[in-house]
Amino acid sequence: MTTLDAQARADIASRPWYVAAFRGRDIVNHQAFRKLRPGRRLVSLSRNGFRLFDEPSHMIGFGYAFCMPWDVWQVRPLRPLRYQPTLVPDFATRQLRARRIEVVAEMPPGFEYGPNGWAVAESSSSLPSHRRAR
């Protein structure tokens, strides 16, 4: 884990950070707080802080984020602690630990899949109905 210098703090402030939620509750950090909503400021109860991701597609496999459906929320770290290395080698994403965050906005459905994510989310949500129709 790396400590943050002035350049790292500027880099953190310049990019968007994300958390995953199910029904408005954070599922990566297992925090016992009420639902996420834009403008809300949250303080982590854990000494490690919140785990934030710079790429929403890389949240899968953390916490309960392997379960679908989940929503992506953009957050802004108010008190960044450190970068956290990924557990998978050659996994080109950044994770950040932050003690305090501010919720910026809920991202549209399928945001984690990229520019055509709405189509992926729509087709994946219709798969269970196709299976039952057989």
Protein backbone atom coordinates (compact mmCIF):
# COMPACT_ATOMS: atom_id res chain seq x y z
CA MET A 1 0.00 0.00 0.00
CA THR A 2 1.29 3.40 -0.87
CA THR A 3 0.98 6.63 1.03
CA LEU A 4 -0.34 9.60 -0.87
CA ASP A 5 1.81 12.55 -1.91
CA ALA A 6 0.57 15.79 -3.50
CA GLN A 7 0.70 14.36 -7.02
CA ALA A 8 -1.30 11.28 -6.01
CA ARG A 9 -3.92 13.44 -4.30
CA ALA A 10 -4.26 15.56 -7.46
CA ASP A 11 -4.66 12.38 -9.52
CA ILE A 12 -7.35 11.10 -7.14
CA ALA A 13 -9.28 14.36 -7.34
CA SER A 14 -9.12 14.39 -11.15
CA ARG A 15 -10.77 11.02 -11.81
CA PRO A 16 -14.18 9.53 -11.01
CA TRP A 17 -14.46 6.79 -8.38
CA TYR A 18 -17.25 4.22 -8.02
CA VAL A 19 -18.92 1.84 -5.58
CA ALA A 20 -21.44 -0.92 -6.27
CA ALA A 21 -24.85 -1.00 -4.59
CA PHE A 22 -27.89 -3.23 -4.45
CA ARG A 23 -31.16 -1.45 -3.75
CA GLY A 24 -29.18 1.64 -2.81
CA ARG A 25 -26.95 -0.05 -0.23
CA ASP A 26 -23.20 -0.47 -0.69
CA ILE A 27 -22.34 -4.14 -1.34
CA VAL A 28 -18.54 -3.94 -1.63
CA ASN A 29 -17.74 -2.27 1.67
CA HIS A 30 -20.41 -3.88 3.88
CA GLN A 31 -21.11 -0.61 5.63
CA ALA A 32 -24.09 -0.30 7.93
CA PHE A 33 -25.48 2.96 6.63
CA ARG A 34 -28.72 4.04 5.12
CA LYS A 35 -29.34 4.19 1.41
CA LEU A 36 -27.05 6.06 -0.95
CA ARG A 37 -28.33 9.30 -2.42
CA PRO A 38 -26.64 12.17 -4.24
CA GLY A 39 -25.00 14.72 -1.95
CA ARG A 40 -24.81 12.38 1.02
CA ARG A 41 -21.51 12.30 2.92
CA LEU A 42 -20.53 9.05 4.58
CA VAL A 43 -17.86 8.09 7.09
CA SER A 44 -16.50 4.56 7.12
CA LEU A 45 -16.75 2.64 10.36
CA SER A 46 -13.82 0.48 9.31
CA ARG A 47 -10.24 1.62 9.92
CA ASN A 48 -9.48 0.62 6.32
CA GLY A 49 -12.11 2.97 4.95
CA PHE A 50 -14.26 2.52 1.86
CA ARG A 51 -12.89 0.58 -1.12
CA LEU A 52 -13.41 2.67 -4.26
CA PHE A 53 -12.77 1.65 -7.87
CA ASP A 54 -11.72 3.73 -10.86
CA GLU A 55 -13.23 1.21 -13.29
CA PRO A 56 -16.75 -0.04 -12.42
CA SER A 57 -16.38 -3.30 -14.35
CA HIS A 58 -13.62 -4.37 -11.94
CA MET A 59 -15.90 -4.38 -8.90
CA ILE A 60 -17.03 -7.93 -9.64
CA GLY A 61 -15.63 -10.32 -7.09
CA PHE A 62 -15.47 -7.85 -4.20
CA GLY A 63 -17.95 -8.12 -1.37
CA TYR A 64 -21.33 -9.18 -2.72
CA ALA A 65 -20.71 -7.56 -6.13
CA PHE A 66 -20.70 -10.96 -7.83
CA CYS A 67 -24.47 -10.99 -7.39
CA MET A 68 -26.60 -9.33 -10.01
CA PRO A 69 -28.28 -6.94 -10.38
CA TRP A 70 -26.19 -4.16 -8.93
CA ASP A 71 -26.05 -0.45 -9.53
CA VAL A 72 -23.00 1.74 -9.89
CA TRP A 73 -22.71 4.97 -7.91
CA GLN A 74 -20.11 7.63 -8.52
CA VAL A 75 -18.52 8.95 -5.34
CA ARG A 76 -15.89 11.52 -4.47
CA PRO A 77 -13.30 10.63 -1.81
CA LEU A 78 -13.13 13.36 0.82
CA ARG A 79 -10.36 11.82 2.88
CA PRO A 80 -8.28 9.39 0.78
CA LEU A 81 -6.04 7.08 2.77
CA ARG A 82 -4.05 4.99 0.28
CA TYR A 83 -4.11 3.08 -2.95
CA GLN A 84 -4.88 -0.59 -2.49
CA PRO A 85 -3.17 -3.14 -4.74
CA THR A 86 -5.44 -5.52 -6.61
CA LEU A 87 -5.55 -9.17 -5.62
CA VAL A 88 -5.25 -10.40 -9.22
CA PRO A 89 -1.88 -10.01 -11.00
CA ASP A 90 -1.91 -7.90 -14.20
CA PHE A 91 -5.30 -6.46 -13.27
CA ALA A 92 -5.07 -2.92 -14.59
CA THR A 93 -7.33 -1.06 -12.23
CA ARG A 94 -6.87 1.18 -9.26
CA GLN A 95 -8.52 0.78 -5.93
CA LEU A 96 -8.54 3.52 -3.40
CA ARG A 97 -9.24 3.43 0.30
CA ALA A 98 -10.94 6.53 1.69
CA ARG A 99 -12.21 7.28 5.18
CA ARG A 100 -14.95 9.68 4.00
CA ILE A 101 -16.84 9.88 0.70
CA GLU A 102 -19.52 12.02 -0.86
CA VAL A 103 -22.08 10.37 -3.14
CA VAL A 104 -22.16 12.20 -6.48
CA ALA A 105 -24.72 10.35 -8.63
CA GLU A 106 -26.24 7.03 -9.54
CA MET A 107 -24.99 5.91 -12.92
CA PRO A 108 -27.40 4.64 -15.61
CA PRO A 109 -28.17 0.88 -15.81
CA GLY A 110 -25.39 -1.02 -17.56
CA PHE A 111 -22.82 1.72 -16.97
CA GLU A 112 -20.22 -0.85 -15.89
CA TYR A 113 -20.31 -2.45 -19.36
CA GLY A 114 -19.19 0.66 -21.26
CA PRO A 115 -20.85 2.79 -23.97
CA ASN A 116 -23.29 0.04 -25.02
CA GLY A 117 -23.96 -1.02 -21.46
CA TRP A 118 -27.67 -0.21 -21.66
CA ALA A 119 -28.04 -2.97 -24.31
CA VAL A 120 -26.04 -5.46 -22.25
CA ALA A 121 -28.07 -4.71 -19.14
CA GLU A 122 -31.32 -5.01 -21.06
CA SER A 123 -30.39 -8.35 -22.62
CA SER A 124 -29.04 -9.78 -19.36
CA SER A 125 -32.20 -8.79 -17.51
CA SER A 126 -34.31 -10.59 -20.12
CA LEU A 127 -32.33 -13.87 -19.92
CA PRO A 128 -34.27 -15.33 -16.96
CA SER A 129 -37.57 -14.78 -18.79
CA HIS A 130 -36.21 -16.57 -21.89
CA ARG A 131 -35.15 -19.52 -19.78
CA ARG A 132 -38.61 -19.83 -18.18
CA ALA A 133 -40.29 -19.65 -21.57
CA ARG A 134 -38.73 -22.92 -22.74
